[in-house]
Amino acid sequence: MKGLTVFQDTRGNVYVSAERARNLHKLCDRLGRGRNTIRWNSDLRCYVIVLSTKQGKEVARAFSKSLTKTSKEGCG
């Protein structure tokens, strides 16, 4: 799964973003969530999944450690 970036806001929500929605499909499958949870974020100009549950955050943390390339500047 390439091209993903993980962000966290001040409220503790975790955002996983990608330039293309299809890059988030495997993560949705791993989390057991429908692909309809993928949303376009106009501020970041990319697709995001918002994770607010403890289980989702743990999966995102483990997943982000497996990423070889991360960016703090967003998608665009």
PDB file of N, CA and C in Angstrom:
ATOM      1  N   MET A   1       0.848  -1.161   0.000  1.00  0.00           N
ATOM      2  CA  MET A   1       0.000   0.000   0.000  1.00  0.00           C
ATOM      3  C   MET A   1       0.892   1.221   0.000  1.00  0.00           C
ATOM      4  N   LYS A   2       0.940   1.869  -1.117  1.00  0.00           N
ATOM      5  CA  LYS A   2       1.850   2.996  -1.212  1.00  0.00           C
ATOM      6  C   LYS A   2       1.093   4.302  -1.357  1.00  0.00           C
ATOM      7  N   GLY A   3       1.797   5.380  -1.087  1.00  0.00           N
ATOM      8  CA  GLY A   3       1.217   6.698  -1.240  1.00  0.00           C
ATOM      9  C   GLY A   3       0.318   7.124  -0.106  1.00  0.00           C
ATOM     10  N   LEU A   4       0.460   6.526   1.075  1.00  0.00           N
ATOM     11  CA  LEU A   4      -0.388   6.883   2.204  1.00  0.00           C
ATOM     12  C   LEU A   4       0.374   7.743   3.199  1.00  0.00           C
ATOM     13  N   THR A   5      -0.358   8.665   3.817  1.00  0.00           N
ATOM     14  CA  THR A   5       0.201   9.538   4.839  1.00  0.00           C
ATOM     15  C   THR A   5      -0.722   9.492   6.046  1.00  0.00           C
ATOM     16  N   VAL A   6      -0.160   9.484   7.241  1.00  0.00           N
ATOM     17  CA  VAL A   6      -0.942   9.412   8.470  1.00  0.00           C
ATOM     18  C   VAL A   6      -0.782  10.724   9.231  1.00  0.00           C
ATOM     19  N   PHE A   7      -1.911  11.328   9.615  1.00  0.00           N
ATOM     20  CA  PHE A   7      -1.945  12.567  10.394  1.00  0.00           C
ATOM     21  C   PHE A   7      -2.730  12.320  11.672  1.00  0.00           C
ATOM     22  N   GLN A   8      -2.493  13.138  12.692  1.00  0.00           N
ATOM     23  CA  GLN A   8      -3.293  13.100  13.906  1.00  0.00           C
ATOM     24  C   GLN A   8      -3.622  14.528  14.307  1.00  0.00           C
ATOM     25  N   ASP A   9      -4.898  14.768  14.658  1.00  0.00           N
ATOM     26  CA  ASP A   9      -5.283  16.114  15.069  1.00  0.00           C
ATOM     27  C   ASP A   9      -5.233  16.235  16.587  1.00  0.00           C
ATOM     28  N   THR A  10      -5.569  17.415  17.092  1.00  0.00           N
ATOM     29  CA  THR A  10      -5.470  17.677  18.527  1.00  0.00           C
ATOM     30  C   THR A  10      -6.525  16.929  19.336  1.00  0.00           C
ATOM     31  N   ARG A  11      -7.594  16.486  18.688  1.00  0.00           N
ATOM     32  CA  ARG A  11      -8.634  15.728  19.381  1.00  0.00           C
ATOM     33  C   ARG A  11      -8.333  14.239  19.434  1.00  0.00           C
ATOM     34  N   GLY A  12      -7.243  13.810  18.803  1.00  0.00           N
ATOM     35  CA  GLY A  12      -6.868  12.410  18.840  1.00  0.00           C
ATOM     36  C   GLY A  12      -7.328  11.594  17.651  1.00  0.00           C
ATOM     37  N   ASN A  13      -8.057  12.218  16.733  1.00  0.00           N
ATOM     38  CA  ASN A  13      -8.470  11.498  15.531  1.00  0.00           C
ATOM     39  C   ASN A  13      -7.270  11.271  14.626  1.00  0.00           C
ATOM     40  N   VAL A  14      -7.246  10.124  13.990  1.00  0.00           N
ATOM     41  CA  VAL A  14      -6.172   9.780  13.067  1.00  0.00           C
ATOM     42  C   VAL A  14      -6.735   9.826  11.655  1.00  0.00           C
ATOM     43  N   TYR A  15      -6.012  10.488  10.762  1.00  0.00           N
ATOM     44  CA  TYR A  15      -6.408  10.602   9.364  1.00  0.00           C
ATOM     45  C   TYR A  15      -5.381   9.873   8.508  1.00  0.00           C
ATOM     46  N   VAL A  16      -5.848   8.971   7.668  1.00  0.00           N
ATOM     47  CA  VAL A  16      -4.983   8.311   6.697  1.00  0.00           C
ATOM     48  C   VAL A  16      -5.379   8.873   5.348  1.00  0.00           C
ATOM     49  N   SER A  17      -4.418   9.428   4.625  1.00  0.00           N
ATOM     50  CA  SER A  17      -4.731  10.098   3.367  1.00  0.00           C
ATOM     51  C   SER A  17      -3.967   9.476   2.210  1.00  0.00           C
ATOM     52  N   ALA A  18      -4.543   9.642   1.010  1.00  0.00           N
ATOM     53  CA  ALA A  18      -3.921   9.152  -0.219  1.00  0.00           C
ATOM     54  C   ALA A  18      -4.411   9.997  -1.379  1.00  0.00           C
ATOM     55  N   GLU A  19      -3.592  10.090  -2.418  1.00  0.00           N
ATOM     56  CA  GLU A  19      -3.973  10.872  -3.592  1.00  0.00           C
ATOM     57  C   GLU A  19      -5.112  10.222  -4.364  1.00  0.00           C
ATOM     58  N   ARG A  20      -5.187   8.912  -4.333  1.00  0.00           N
ATOM     59  CA  ARG A  20      -6.243   8.178  -5.030  1.00  0.00           C
ATOM     60  C   ARG A  20      -7.008   7.329  -4.021  1.00  0.00           C
ATOM     61  N   ALA A  21      -8.324   7.289  -4.177  1.00  0.00           N
ATOM     62  CA  ALA A  21      -9.158   6.531  -3.248  1.00  0.00           C
ATOM     63  C   ALA A  21      -8.810   5.051  -3.259  1.00  0.00           C
ATOM     64  N   ARG A  22      -8.425   4.527  -4.403  1.00  0.00           N
ATOM     65  CA  ARG A  22      -8.126   3.090  -4.481  1.00  0.00           C
ATOM     66  C   ARG A  22      -6.928   2.699  -3.616  1.00  0.00           C
ATOM     67  N   ASN A  23      -6.070   3.665  -3.294  1.00  0.00           N
ATOM     68  CA  ASN A  23      -4.942   3.374  -2.409  1.00  0.00           C
ATOM     69  C   ASN A  23      -5.389   3.112  -0.973  1.00  0.00           C
ATOM     70  N   LEU A  24      -6.612   3.504  -0.637  1.00  0.00           N
ATOM     71  CA  LEU A  24      -7.138   3.294   0.708  1.00  0.00           C
ATOM     72  C   LEU A  24      -8.005   2.043   0.815  1.00  0.00           C
ATOM     73  N   HIS A  25      -8.267   1.372  -0.288  1.00  0.00           N
ATOM     74  CA  HIS A  25      -9.172   0.220  -0.280  1.00  0.00           C
ATOM     75  C   HIS A  25      -8.658  -0.922   0.596  1.00  0.00           C
ATOM     76  N   LYS A  26      -7.370  -1.248   0.520  1.00  0.00           N
ATOM     77  CA  LYS A  26      -6.830  -2.343   1.337  1.00  0.00           C
ATOM     78  C   LYS A  26      -6.917  -2.021   2.823  1.00  0.00           C
ATOM     79  N   LEU A  27      -6.708  -0.762   3.171  1.00  0.00           N
ATOM     80  CA  LEU A  27      -6.823  -0.363   4.571  1.00  0.00           C
ATOM     81  C   LEU A  27      -8.262  -0.504   5.046  1.00  0.00           C
ATOM     82  N   CYS A  28      -9.219  -0.113   4.216  1.00  0.00           N
ATOM     83  CA  CYS A  28     -10.636  -0.287   4.567  1.00  0.00           C
ATOM     84  C   CYS A  28     -10.949  -1.760   4.799  1.00  0.00           C
ATOM     85  N   ASP A  29     -10.431  -2.614   3.925  1.00  0.00           N
ATOM     86  CA  ASP A  29     -10.656  -4.053   4.074  1.00  0.00           C
ATOM     87  C   ASP A  29     -10.044  -4.567   5.370  1.00  0.00           C
ATOM     88  N   ARG A  30      -8.848  -4.104   5.695  1.00  0.00           N
ATOM     89  CA  ARG A  30      -8.165  -4.539   6.915  1.00  0.00           C
ATOM     90  C   ARG A  30      -8.920  -4.076   8.157  1.00  0.00           C
ATOM     91  N   LEU A  31      -9.508  -2.893   8.091  1.00  0.00           N
ATOM     92  CA  LEU A  31     -10.261  -2.356   9.226  1.00  0.00           C
ATOM     93  C   LEU A  31     -11.674  -2.906   9.302  1.00  0.00           C
ATOM     94  N   GLY A  32     -12.128  -3.567   8.239  1.00  0.00           N
ATOM     95  CA  GLY A  32     -13.493  -4.068   8.210  1.00  0.00           C
ATOM     96  C   GLY A  32     -14.510  -2.969   7.981  1.00  0.00           C
ATOM     97  N   ARG A  33     -14.101  -1.906   7.329  1.00  0.00           N
ATOM     98  CA  ARG A  33     -14.989  -0.774   7.056  1.00  0.00           C
ATOM     99  C   ARG A  33     -15.341  -0.750   5.581  1.00  0.00           C
ATOM    100  N   GLY A  34     -16.487  -0.193   5.295  1.00  0.00           N
ATOM    101  CA  GLY A  34     -16.895  -0.062   3.907  1.00  0.00           C
ATOM    102  C   GLY A  34     -16.094   1.010   3.201  1.00  0.00           C
ATOM    103  N   ARG A  35     -15.996   0.865   1.903  1.00  0.00           N
ATOM    104  CA  ARG A  35     -15.242   1.850   1.123  1.00  0.00           C
ATOM    105  C   ARG A  35     -15.961   3.191   1.046  1.00  0.00           C
ATOM    106  N   ASN A  36     -17.213   3.217   1.474  1.00  0.00           N
ATOM    107  CA  ASN A  36     -17.945   4.485   1.487  1.00  0.00           C
ATOM    108  C   ASN A  36     -17.485   5.403   2.621  1.00  0.00           C
ATOM    109  N   THR A  37     -16.571   4.941   3.472  1.00  0.00           N
ATOM    110  CA  THR A  37     -16.024   5.798   4.532  1.00  0.00           C
ATOM    111  C   THR A  37     -14.876   6.664   4.025  1.00  0.00           C
ATOM    112  N   ILE A  38     -14.443   6.424   2.792  1.00  0.00           N
ATOM    113  CA  ILE A  38     -13.393   7.245   2.180  1.00  0.00           C
ATOM    114  C   ILE A  38     -14.021   8.555   1.729  1.00  0.00           C
ATOM    115  N   ARG A  39     -13.447   9.663   2.140  1.00  0.00           N
ATOM    116  CA  ARG A  39     -13.980  10.993   1.820  1.00  0.00           C
ATOM    117  C   ARG A  39     -12.917  11.857   1.161  1.00  0.00           C
ATOM    118  N   TRP A  40     -13.360  12.791   0.329  1.00  0.00           N
ATOM    119  CA  TRP A  40     -12.467  13.786  -0.265  1.00  0.00           C
ATOM    120  C   TRP A  40     -12.315  14.925   0.728  1.00  0.00           C
ATOM    121  N   ASN A  41     -11.083  15.300   1.044  1.00  0.00           N
ATOM    122  CA  ASN A  41     -10.810  16.414   1.936  1.00  0.00           C
ATOM    123  C   ASN A  41     -10.324  17.581   1.088  1.00  0.00           C
ATOM    124  N   SER A  42     -11.125  18.623   1.015  1.00  0.00           N
ATOM    125  CA  SER A  42     -10.781  19.757   0.150  1.00  0.00           C
ATOM    126  C   SER A  42      -9.611  20.576   0.701  1.00  0.00           C
ATOM    127  N   ASP A  43      -9.384  20.553   2.009  1.00  0.00           N
ATOM    128  CA  ASP A  43      -8.243  21.277   2.578  1.00  0.00           C
ATOM    129  C   ASP A  43      -6.922  20.596   2.228  1.00  0.00           C
ATOM    130  N   LEU A  44      -6.885  19.280   2.353  1.00  0.00           N
ATOM    131  CA  LEU A  44      -5.671  18.528   2.038  1.00  0.00           C
ATOM    132  C   LEU A  44      -5.566  18.189   0.556  1.00  0.00           C
ATOM    133  N   ARG A  45      -6.690  18.292  -0.145  1.00  0.00           N
ATOM    134  CA  ARG A  45      -6.777  17.959  -1.571  1.00  0.00           C
ATOM    135  C   ARG A  45      -6.403  16.505  -1.834  1.00  0.00           C
ATOM    136  N   CYS A  46      -6.979  15.619  -1.023  1.00  0.00           N
ATOM    137  CA  CYS A  46      -6.762  14.189  -1.203  1.00  0.00           C
ATOM    138  C   CYS A  46      -7.897  13.432  -0.507  1.00  0.00           C
ATOM    139  N   TYR A  47      -7.890  12.124  -0.656  1.00  0.00           N
ATOM    140  CA  TYR A  47      -8.885  11.266  -0.024  1.00  0.00           C
ATOM    141  C   TYR A  47      -8.403  10.876   1.365  1.00  0.00           C
ATOM    142  N   VAL A  48      -9.336  10.797   2.317  1.00  0.00           N
ATOM    143  CA  VAL A  48      -8.968  10.463   3.692  1.00  0.00           C
ATOM    144  C   VAL A  48      -9.958   9.472   4.296  1.00  0.00           C
ATOM    145  N   ILE A  49      -9.465   8.741   5.276  1.00  0.00           N
ATOM    146  CA  ILE A  49     -10.294   7.942   6.173  1.00  0.00           C
ATOM    147  C   ILE A  49     -10.023   8.492   7.567  1.00  0.00           C
ATOM    148  N   VAL A  50     -11.082   8.787   8.312  1.00  0.00           N
ATOM    149  CA  VAL A  50     -10.937   9.293   9.675  1.00  0.00           C
ATOM    150  C   VAL A  50     -11.129   8.122  10.632  1.00  0.00           C
ATOM    151  N   LEU A  51     -10.151   7.917  11.495  1.00  0.00           N
ATOM    152  CA  LEU A  51     -10.210   6.840  12.479  1.00  0.00           C
ATOM    153  C   LEU A  51     -10.312   7.462  13.859  1.00  0.00           C
ATOM    154  N   SER A  52     -11.401   7.166  14.556  1.00  0.00           N
ATOM    155  CA  SER A  52     -11.569   7.738  15.888  1.00  0.00           C
ATOM    156  C   SER A  52     -11.665   6.662  16.964  1.00  0.00           C
ATOM    157  N   THR A  53     -11.784   5.395  16.576  1.00  0.00           N
ATOM    158  CA  THR A  53     -11.851   4.323  17.564  1.00  0.00           C
ATOM    159  C   THR A  53     -10.446   3.871  17.949  1.00  0.00           C
ATOM    160  N   LYS A  54     -10.338   3.293  19.113  1.00  0.00           N
ATOM    161  CA  LYS A  54      -9.034   2.821  19.595  1.00  0.00           C
ATOM    162  C   LYS A  54      -8.462   1.743  18.677  1.00  0.00           C
ATOM    163  N   GLN A  55      -9.319   0.823  18.216  1.00  0.00           N
ATOM    164  CA  GLN A  55      -8.854  -0.239  17.327  1.00  0.00           C
ATOM    165  C   GLN A  55      -8.343   0.332  16.008  1.00  0.00           C
ATOM    166  N   GLY A  56      -9.069   1.282  15.457  1.00  0.00           N
ATOM    167  CA  GLY A  56      -8.651   1.907  14.206  1.00  0.00           C
ATOM    168  C   GLY A  56      -7.326   2.626  14.340  1.00  0.00           C
ATOM    169  N   LYS A  57      -7.131   3.304  15.466  1.00  0.00           N
ATOM    170  CA  LYS A  57      -5.876   4.020  15.700  1.00  0.00           C
ATOM    171  C   LYS A  57      -4.702   3.058  15.822  1.00  0.00           C
ATOM    172  N   GLU A  58      -4.926   1.920  16.486  1.00  0.00           N
ATOM    173  CA  GLU A  58      -3.854   0.937  16.627  1.00  0.00           C
ATOM    174  C   GLU A  58      -3.463   0.359  15.272  1.00  0.00           C
ATOM    175  N   VAL A  59      -4.458   0.078  14.440  1.00  0.00           N
ATOM    176  CA  VAL A  59      -4.176  -0.434  13.099  1.00  0.00           C
ATOM    177  C   VAL A  59      -3.421   0.611  12.296  1.00  0.00           C
ATOM    178  N   ALA A  60      -3.829   1.871  12.402  1.00  0.00           N
ATOM    179  CA  ALA A  60      -3.160   2.939  11.655  1.00  0.00           C
ATOM    180  C   ALA A  60      -1.717   3.109  12.117  1.00  0.00           C
ATOM    181  N   ARG A  61      -1.473   3.023  13.419  1.00  0.00           N
ATOM    182  CA  ARG A  61      -0.101   3.149  13.916  1.00  0.00           C
ATOM    183  C   ARG A  61       0.775   2.009  13.405  1.00  0.00           C
ATOM    184  N   ALA A  62       0.259   0.792  13.490  1.00  0.00           N
ATOM    185  CA  ALA A  62       1.019  -0.356  12.996  1.00  0.00           C
ATOM    186  C   ALA A  62       1.235  -0.241  11.498  1.00  0.00           C
ATOM    187  N   PHE A  63       0.220   0.255  10.823  1.00  0.00           N
ATOM    188  CA  PHE A  63       0.293   0.399   9.377  1.00  0.00           C
ATOM    189  C   PHE A  63       1.292   1.482   8.994  1.00  0.00           C
ATOM    190  N   SER A  64       1.302   2.585   9.738  1.00  0.00           N
ATOM    191  CA  SER A  64       2.207   3.686   9.403  1.00  0.00           C
ATOM    192  C   SER A  64       3.665   3.300   9.633  1.00  0.00           C
ATOM    193  N   LYS A  65       3.926   2.415  10.565  1.00  0.00           N
ATOM    194  CA  LYS A  65       5.294   1.951  10.790  1.00  0.00           C
ATOM    195  C   LYS A  65       5.795   1.135   9.612  1.00  0.00           C
ATOM    196  N   SER A  66       4.866   0.493   8.894  1.00  0.00           N
ATOM    197  CA  SER A  66       5.266  -0.325   7.752  1.00  0.00           C
ATOM    198  C   SER A  66       5.478   0.506   6.494  1.00  0.00           C
ATOM    199  N   LEU A  67       5.065   1.764   6.528  1.00  0.00           N
ATOM    200  CA  LEU A  67       5.262   2.625   5.365  1.00  0.00           C
ATOM    201  C   LEU A  67       6.729   3.032   5.273  1.00  0.00           C
ATOM    202  N   THR A  68       7.250   3.037   4.087  1.00  0.00           N
ATOM    203  CA  THR A  68       8.647   3.417   3.918  1.00  0.00           C
ATOM    204  C   THR A  68       8.811   4.901   3.672  1.00  0.00           C
ATOM    205  N   LYS A  69       7.783   5.543   3.143  1.00  0.00           N
ATOM    206  CA  LYS A  69       7.881   6.959   2.803  1.00  0.00           C
ATOM    207  C   LYS A  69       6.674   7.685   3.380  1.00  0.00           C
ATOM    208  N   THR A  70       6.914   8.685   4.212  1.00  0.00           N
ATOM    209  CA  THR A  70       5.822   9.489   4.744  1.00  0.00           C
ATOM    210  C   THR A  70       6.100  10.947   4.475  1.00  0.00           C
ATOM    211  N   SER A  71       5.043  11.718   4.421  1.00  0.00           N
ATOM    212  CA  SER A  71       5.169  13.150   4.174  1.00  0.00           C
ATOM    213  C   SER A  71       4.307  13.887   5.173  1.00  0.00           C
ATOM    214  N   LYS A  72       4.804  14.957   5.728  1.00  0.00           N
ATOM    215  CA  LYS A  72       4.022  15.766   6.653  1.00  0.00           C
ATOM    216  C   LYS A  72       3.376  16.946   5.945  1.00  0.00           C
ATOM    217  N   GLU A  73       3.551  17.052   4.657  1.00  0.00           N
ATOM    218  CA  GLU A  73       3.021  18.189   3.927  1.00  0.00           C
ATOM    219  C   GLU A  73       1.682  17.901   3.274  1.00  0.00           C
ATOM    220  N   GLY A  74       1.156  16.720   3.428  1.00  0.00           N
ATOM    221  CA  GLY A  74      -0.121  16.393   2.827  1.00  0.00           C
ATOM    222  C   GLY A  74       0.035  15.736   1.476  1.00  0.00           C
ATOM    223  N   CYS A  75      -1.047  15.670   0.746  1.00  0.00           N
ATOM    224  CA  CYS A  75      -1.067  14.943  -0.521  1.00  0.00           C
ATOM    225  C   CYS A  75      -0.637  15.792  -1.692  1.00  0.00           C
ATOM    226  N   GLY A  76      -1.037  17.031  -1.714  1.00  0.00           N
ATOM    227  CA  GLY A  76      -0.819  17.853  -2.888  1.00  0.00           C
ATOM    228  C   GLY A  76       0.405  18.617  -2.811  1.00  0.00           C
TER     229      GLY A  76
END
